[in-house]
Amino acid sequence: SKRAQRHYNAFQREGLTLNHTWLTGHGTFLSTFLTLNYDQYQQPDTAISRKYRKDTAWRAGTSYGAPLKLLYGKLSGLTGSLSYEYYQAASTIKNYSYNNNRVAAAITYQWETGL
């Protein structure tokens, strides 16, 4: 069998990520992040375009969490969190340029294992 010699999915990435978490008291927290990426692809995907693909993408988000016992005392051990994230990709090939918004909510439970 022949081995494909196309590398249009292979890329080199340069990136930067910043994260920060604030402990805001009484078990609450606020976490933020920012990620920037620059991707250069090794070969064009000629099924889409003859251009060499270069992408610039950034992602930013934040999460806030708090123990639910602050709202109702019997919910001890439960923590609720809300998160928002925005993503934007710009590419030299229009098919790969897009943006996205994401909202999430989570509830976690902490228990003691006795170890």
N, C-alpha and C. Protein backbone atom coordinates (compact mmCIF):
# COMPACT_ATOMS: atom_id res chain seq x y z
N SER A 1 0.83 -1.18 0.00
CA SER A 1 0.00 0.00 0.00
C SER A 1 0.88 1.24 0.00
N LYS A 2 0.35 2.29 -0.58
CA LYS A 2 1.09 3.55 -0.64
C LYS A 2 0.89 4.34 0.64
N ARG A 3 1.87 5.07 0.99
CA ARG A 3 1.79 5.92 2.17
C ARG A 3 1.57 7.36 1.71
N ALA A 4 0.54 8.02 2.25
CA ALA A 4 0.23 9.39 1.86
C ALA A 4 1.36 10.33 2.27
N GLN A 5 1.71 11.24 1.40
CA GLN A 5 2.78 12.18 1.68
C GLN A 5 2.26 13.60 1.93
N ARG A 6 0.96 13.75 2.12
CA ARG A 6 0.36 15.06 2.37
C ARG A 6 0.39 15.38 3.86
N HIS A 7 0.74 16.61 4.17
CA HIS A 7 0.84 17.03 5.55
C HIS A 7 -0.03 18.25 5.82
N TYR A 8 -1.21 18.30 5.21
CA TYR A 8 -2.05 19.49 5.37
C TYR A 8 -2.74 19.57 6.73
N ASN A 9 -2.65 18.53 7.54
CA ASN A 9 -3.17 18.61 8.91
C ASN A 9 -2.06 18.87 9.93
N ALA A 10 -0.82 18.86 9.50
CA ALA A 10 0.32 19.09 10.39
C ALA A 10 0.58 20.59 10.48
N PHE A 11 0.81 21.05 11.70
CA PHE A 11 1.07 22.48 11.87
C PHE A 11 2.06 22.72 13.00
N GLN A 12 2.65 23.91 12.99
CA GLN A 12 3.52 24.37 14.08
C GLN A 12 2.76 25.44 14.82
N ARG A 13 2.71 25.34 16.16
CA ARG A 13 1.95 26.27 16.98
C ARG A 13 2.86 27.07 17.89
N GLU A 14 2.60 28.36 17.92
CA GLU A 14 3.17 29.26 18.91
C GLU A 14 2.00 29.71 19.77
N GLY A 15 2.16 29.69 21.09
CA GLY A 15 1.02 30.03 21.94
C GLY A 15 1.42 30.65 23.26
N LEU A 16 0.44 31.27 23.86
CA LEU A 16 0.59 31.91 25.16
C LEU A 16 -0.69 31.70 25.93
N THR A 17 -0.57 31.29 27.20
CA THR A 17 -1.73 31.11 28.07
C THR A 17 -1.48 31.81 29.39
N LEU A 18 -2.47 32.57 29.84
CA LEU A 18 -2.44 33.23 31.13
C LEU A 18 -3.62 32.73 31.95
N ASN A 19 -3.37 32.35 33.20
CA ASN A 19 -4.42 31.89 34.12
C ASN A 19 -4.27 32.62 35.44
N HIS A 20 -5.39 32.89 36.08
CA HIS A 20 -5.33 33.48 37.40
C HIS A 20 -6.57 33.06 38.18
N THR A 21 -6.37 32.73 39.44
CA THR A 21 -7.48 32.36 40.32
C THR A 21 -7.43 33.25 41.56
N TRP A 22 -8.56 33.85 41.86
CA TRP A 22 -8.71 34.65 43.07
C TRP A 22 -9.56 33.87 44.06
N LEU A 23 -9.07 33.70 45.28
CA LEU A 23 -9.87 33.13 46.37
C LEU A 23 -10.51 34.34 47.05
N THR A 24 -11.81 34.47 46.87
CA THR A 24 -12.50 35.71 47.25
C THR A 24 -13.14 35.65 48.64
N GLY A 25 -12.86 34.62 49.42
CA GLY A 25 -13.35 34.53 50.79
C GLY A 25 -14.58 33.66 50.93
N HIS A 26 -14.73 33.05 52.11
CA HIS A 26 -15.87 32.18 52.44
C HIS A 26 -16.00 31.00 51.48
N GLY A 27 -14.88 30.56 50.90
CA GLY A 27 -14.89 29.41 50.00
C GLY A 27 -15.24 29.75 48.56
N THR A 28 -15.44 31.02 48.24
CA THR A 28 -15.77 31.41 46.86
C THR A 28 -14.48 31.65 46.07
N PHE A 29 -14.58 31.58 44.76
CA PHE A 29 -13.43 31.79 43.90
C PHE A 29 -13.86 32.37 42.56
N LEU A 30 -12.92 33.04 41.92
CA LEU A 30 -13.10 33.57 40.57
C LEU A 30 -11.85 33.22 39.79
N SER A 31 -12.02 32.53 38.69
CA SER A 31 -10.90 32.08 37.87
C SER A 31 -11.05 32.69 36.47
N THR A 32 -9.95 33.18 35.90
CA THR A 32 -9.98 33.74 34.55
C THR A 32 -8.81 33.18 33.76
N PHE A 33 -8.97 33.16 32.44
CA PHE A 33 -7.87 32.72 31.58
C PHE A 33 -7.96 33.39 30.22
N LEU A 34 -6.82 33.43 29.55
CA LEU A 34 -6.71 33.94 28.18
C LEU A 34 -5.67 33.09 27.47
N THR A 35 -6.02 32.60 26.28
CA THR A 35 -5.10 31.80 25.48
C THR A 35 -5.03 32.38 24.08
N LEU A 36 -3.82 32.55 23.56
CA LEU A 36 -3.59 33.00 22.19
C LEU A 36 -2.76 31.95 21.48
N ASN A 37 -3.16 31.58 20.26
CA ASN A 37 -2.42 30.60 19.47
C ASN A 37 -2.24 31.10 18.04
N TYR A 38 -1.10 30.80 17.48
CA TYR A 38 -0.83 31.07 16.07
C TYR A 38 -0.34 29.76 15.45
N ASP A 39 -1.06 29.26 14.45
CA ASP A 39 -0.75 27.98 13.81
C ASP A 39 -0.36 28.20 12.36
N GLN A 40 0.74 27.59 11.92
CA GLN A 40 1.17 27.60 10.53
C GLN A 40 1.16 26.16 10.03
N TYR A 41 0.37 25.90 9.00
CA TYR A 41 0.24 24.55 8.46
C TYR A 41 1.34 24.29 7.43
N GLN A 42 1.80 23.03 7.37
CA GLN A 42 2.96 22.68 6.55
C GLN A 42 2.65 22.58 5.06
N GLN A 43 1.39 22.31 4.72
CA GLN A 43 1.05 22.08 3.32
C GLN A 43 -0.41 22.47 3.10
N PRO A 44 -0.76 23.02 1.95
CA PRO A 44 -2.16 23.35 1.68
C PRO A 44 -3.01 22.08 1.51
N ASP A 45 -4.25 22.17 1.92
CA ASP A 45 -5.23 21.11 1.65
C ASP A 45 -5.90 21.50 0.34
N THR A 46 -5.39 20.96 -0.77
CA THR A 46 -5.83 21.40 -2.09
C THR A 46 -7.29 21.05 -2.40
N ALA A 47 -7.91 20.21 -1.60
CA ALA A 47 -9.35 19.95 -1.77
C ALA A 47 -10.16 21.18 -1.36
N ILE A 48 -9.56 22.07 -0.55
CA ILE A 48 -10.26 23.27 -0.07
C ILE A 48 -9.68 24.52 -0.71
N SER A 49 -8.34 24.63 -0.75
CA SER A 49 -7.69 25.82 -1.28
C SER A 49 -6.23 25.52 -1.58
N ARG A 50 -5.64 26.32 -2.45
CA ARG A 50 -4.21 26.18 -2.73
C ARG A 50 -3.37 27.04 -1.79
N LYS A 51 -4.03 27.84 -0.95
CA LYS A 51 -3.32 28.70 0.00
C LYS A 51 -2.75 27.88 1.15
N TYR A 52 -1.63 28.34 1.67
CA TYR A 52 -1.11 27.79 2.91
C TYR A 52 -1.96 28.35 4.04
N ARG A 53 -2.39 27.50 4.93
CA ARG A 53 -3.28 27.92 6.01
C ARG A 53 -2.48 28.44 7.20
N LYS A 54 -2.91 29.60 7.71
CA LYS A 54 -2.38 30.17 8.94
C LYS A 54 -3.56 30.61 9.78
N ASP A 55 -3.61 30.17 11.02
CA ASP A 55 -4.71 30.49 11.92
C ASP A 55 -4.21 31.29 13.11
N THR A 56 -5.00 32.26 13.52
CA THR A 56 -4.78 32.98 14.76
C THR A 56 -6.06 32.79 15.58
N ALA A 57 -5.91 32.27 16.78
CA ALA A 57 -7.09 31.99 17.61
C ALA A 57 -6.85 32.51 19.02
N TRP A 58 -7.94 32.96 19.64
CA TRP A 58 -7.86 33.33 21.05
C TRP A 58 -9.10 32.84 21.77
N ARG A 59 -8.91 32.54 23.04
CA ARG A 59 -9.96 32.01 23.90
C ARG A 59 -9.83 32.72 25.24
N ALA A 60 -10.96 33.19 25.76
CA ALA A 60 -10.96 33.85 27.06
C ALA A 60 -12.17 33.35 27.85
N GLY A 61 -11.99 33.24 29.15
CA GLY A 61 -13.11 32.76 29.95
C GLY A 61 -12.97 33.09 31.41
N THR A 62 -14.07 32.88 32.11
CA THR A 62 -14.10 33.11 33.54
C THR A 62 -15.05 32.12 34.20
N SER A 63 -14.76 31.78 35.44
CA SER A 63 -15.63 30.91 36.24
C SER A 63 -15.75 31.50 37.63
N TYR A 64 -16.95 31.44 38.16
CA TYR A 64 -17.18 31.86 39.54
C TYR A 64 -17.82 30.69 40.27
N GLY A 65 -17.31 30.39 41.46
CA GLY A 65 -17.85 29.29 42.24
C GLY A 65 -18.01 29.66 43.69
N ALA A 66 -18.97 28.99 44.34
CA ALA A 66 -19.23 29.26 45.76
C ALA A 66 -19.85 28.03 46.40
N PRO A 67 -19.56 27.81 47.70
CA PRO A 67 -20.24 26.74 48.42
C PRO A 67 -21.74 27.04 48.49
N LEU A 68 -22.55 26.05 48.19
CA LEU A 68 -24.00 26.26 48.19
C LEU A 68 -24.56 26.43 49.60
N LYS A 69 -23.78 26.06 50.62
CA LYS A 69 -24.25 26.26 52.00
C LYS A 69 -24.38 27.75 52.33
N LEU A 70 -23.74 28.63 51.54
CA LEU A 70 -23.92 30.07 51.74
C LEU A 70 -25.36 30.49 51.42
N LEU A 71 -26.02 29.73 50.51
CA LEU A 71 -27.41 30.00 50.16
C LEU A 71 -28.39 29.27 51.08
N TYR A 72 -28.02 28.02 51.41
CA TYR A 72 -28.89 27.18 52.23
C TYR A 72 -27.99 26.24 53.03
N GLY A 73 -27.99 26.38 54.34
CA GLY A 73 -27.07 25.68 55.23
C GLY A 73 -27.01 24.17 55.09
N LYS A 74 -28.10 23.52 54.68
CA LYS A 74 -28.12 22.06 54.57
C LYS A 74 -27.41 21.53 53.32
N LEU A 75 -26.91 22.42 52.48
CA LEU A 75 -26.22 22.00 51.26
C LEU A 75 -24.70 21.93 51.46
N SER A 76 -24.27 21.63 52.68
CA SER A 76 -22.85 21.53 53.01
C SER A 76 -22.18 20.47 52.14
N GLY A 77 -20.99 20.77 51.65
CA GLY A 77 -20.25 19.83 50.81
C GLY A 77 -20.47 20.05 49.33
N LEU A 78 -21.48 20.85 48.96
CA LEU A 78 -21.76 21.12 47.55
C LEU A 78 -21.21 22.49 47.17
N THR A 79 -20.60 22.54 45.99
CA THR A 79 -20.11 23.80 45.44
C THR A 79 -20.72 23.98 44.07
N GLY A 80 -21.25 25.16 43.81
CA GLY A 80 -21.81 25.48 42.49
C GLY A 80 -20.87 26.42 41.76
N SER A 81 -20.83 26.29 40.44
CA SER A 81 -20.00 27.21 39.65
C SER A 81 -20.69 27.52 38.32
N LEU A 82 -20.44 28.73 37.84
CA LEU A 82 -20.91 29.19 36.54
C LEU A 82 -19.70 29.63 35.74
N SER A 83 -19.70 29.30 34.45
CA SER A 83 -18.55 29.62 33.60
C SER A 83 -19.03 30.20 32.27
N TYR A 84 -18.20 31.08 31.72
CA TYR A 84 -18.43 31.63 30.38
C TYR A 84 -17.10 31.58 29.63
N GLU A 85 -17.16 31.23 28.34
CA GLU A 85 -15.96 31.17 27.50
C GLU A 85 -16.29 31.70 26.11
N TYR A 86 -15.37 32.49 25.56
CA TYR A 86 -15.49 32.99 24.18
C TYR A 86 -14.28 32.50 23.40
N TYR A 87 -14.52 32.05 22.16
CA TYR A 87 -13.45 31.57 21.30
C TYR A 87 -13.59 32.22 19.93
N GLN A 88 -12.48 32.66 19.36
CA GLN A 88 -12.50 33.23 18.02
C GLN A 88 -11.29 32.73 17.25
N ALA A 89 -11.54 32.24 16.04
CA ALA A 89 -10.47 31.78 15.16
C ALA A 89 -10.54 32.58 13.86
N ALA A 90 -9.41 33.10 13.44
CA ALA A 90 -9.28 33.78 12.16
C ALA A 90 -8.26 33.01 11.34
N SER A 91 -8.60 32.72 10.10
CA SER A 91 -7.74 31.89 9.26
C SER A 91 -7.57 32.53 7.89
N THR A 92 -6.47 32.20 7.23
CA THR A 92 -6.28 32.64 5.86
C THR A 92 -7.24 31.93 4.92
N ILE A 93 -7.86 30.85 5.40
CA ILE A 93 -8.88 30.13 4.64
C ILE A 93 -10.21 30.32 5.36
N LYS A 94 -11.14 30.96 4.69
CA LYS A 94 -12.39 31.39 5.31
C LYS A 94 -13.16 30.25 5.99
N ASN A 95 -13.09 29.05 5.45
CA ASN A 95 -13.81 27.90 6.03
C ASN A 95 -13.44 27.65 7.49
N TYR A 96 -12.25 28.07 7.91
CA TYR A 96 -11.76 27.79 9.26
C TYR A 96 -11.87 28.99 10.20
N SER A 97 -12.51 30.07 9.77
CA SER A 97 -12.72 31.24 10.63
C SER A 97 -14.11 31.16 11.26
N TYR A 98 -14.16 31.27 12.59
CA TYR A 98 -15.44 31.22 13.29
C TYR A 98 -15.27 31.72 14.71
N ASN A 99 -16.40 31.91 15.40
CA ASN A 99 -16.35 32.22 16.83
C ASN A 99 -17.41 31.39 17.54
N ASN A 100 -17.26 31.31 18.86
CA ASN A 100 -18.13 30.46 19.64
C ASN A 100 -18.27 31.03 21.05
N ASN A 101 -19.46 30.93 21.62
CA ASN A 101 -19.72 31.29 23.01
C ASN A 101 -20.15 30.03 23.75
N ARG A 102 -19.71 29.89 24.99
CA ARG A 102 -20.11 28.72 25.78
C ARG A 102 -20.40 29.16 27.21
N VAL A 103 -21.51 28.68 27.72
CA VAL A 103 -21.90 28.91 29.12
C VAL A 103 -22.08 27.54 29.76
N ALA A 104 -21.58 27.40 30.98
CA ALA A 104 -21.69 26.12 31.67
C ALA A 104 -21.99 26.34 33.15
N ALA A 105 -22.66 25.38 33.73
CA ALA A 105 -22.93 25.37 35.17
C ALA A 105 -22.56 23.99 35.69
N ALA A 106 -22.06 23.95 36.92
CA ALA A 106 -21.66 22.67 37.51
C ALA A 106 -21.94 22.69 39.01
N ILE A 107 -22.20 21.51 39.52
CA ILE A 107 -22.31 21.31 40.97
C ILE A 107 -21.39 20.16 41.31
N THR A 108 -20.52 20.37 42.29
CA THR A 108 -19.60 19.31 42.73
C THR A 108 -19.85 19.02 44.21
N TYR A 109 -19.52 17.79 44.59
CA TYR A 109 -19.69 17.36 45.98
C TYR A 109 -18.35 16.92 46.53
N GLN A 110 -18.05 17.32 47.74
CA GLN A 110 -16.81 16.92 48.41
C GLN A 110 -17.16 16.03 49.58
N TRP A 111 -16.49 14.89 49.70
CA TRP A 111 -16.72 14.01 50.83
C TRP A 111 -15.40 13.58 51.42
N GLU A 112 -15.44 13.17 52.67
CA GLU A 112 -14.25 12.71 53.37
C GLU A 112 -14.12 11.21 53.19
N THR A 113 -12.89 10.75 52.90
CA THR A 113 -12.67 9.32 52.69
C THR A 113 -12.16 8.63 53.94
N GLY A 114 -11.72 9.38 54.91
CA GLY A 114 -11.22 8.79 56.13
C GLY A 114 -9.80 8.28 56.05
N LEU A 115 -9.07 8.63 55.00
CA LEU A 115 -7.68 8.18 54.85
C LEU A 115 -6.75 9.06 55.63
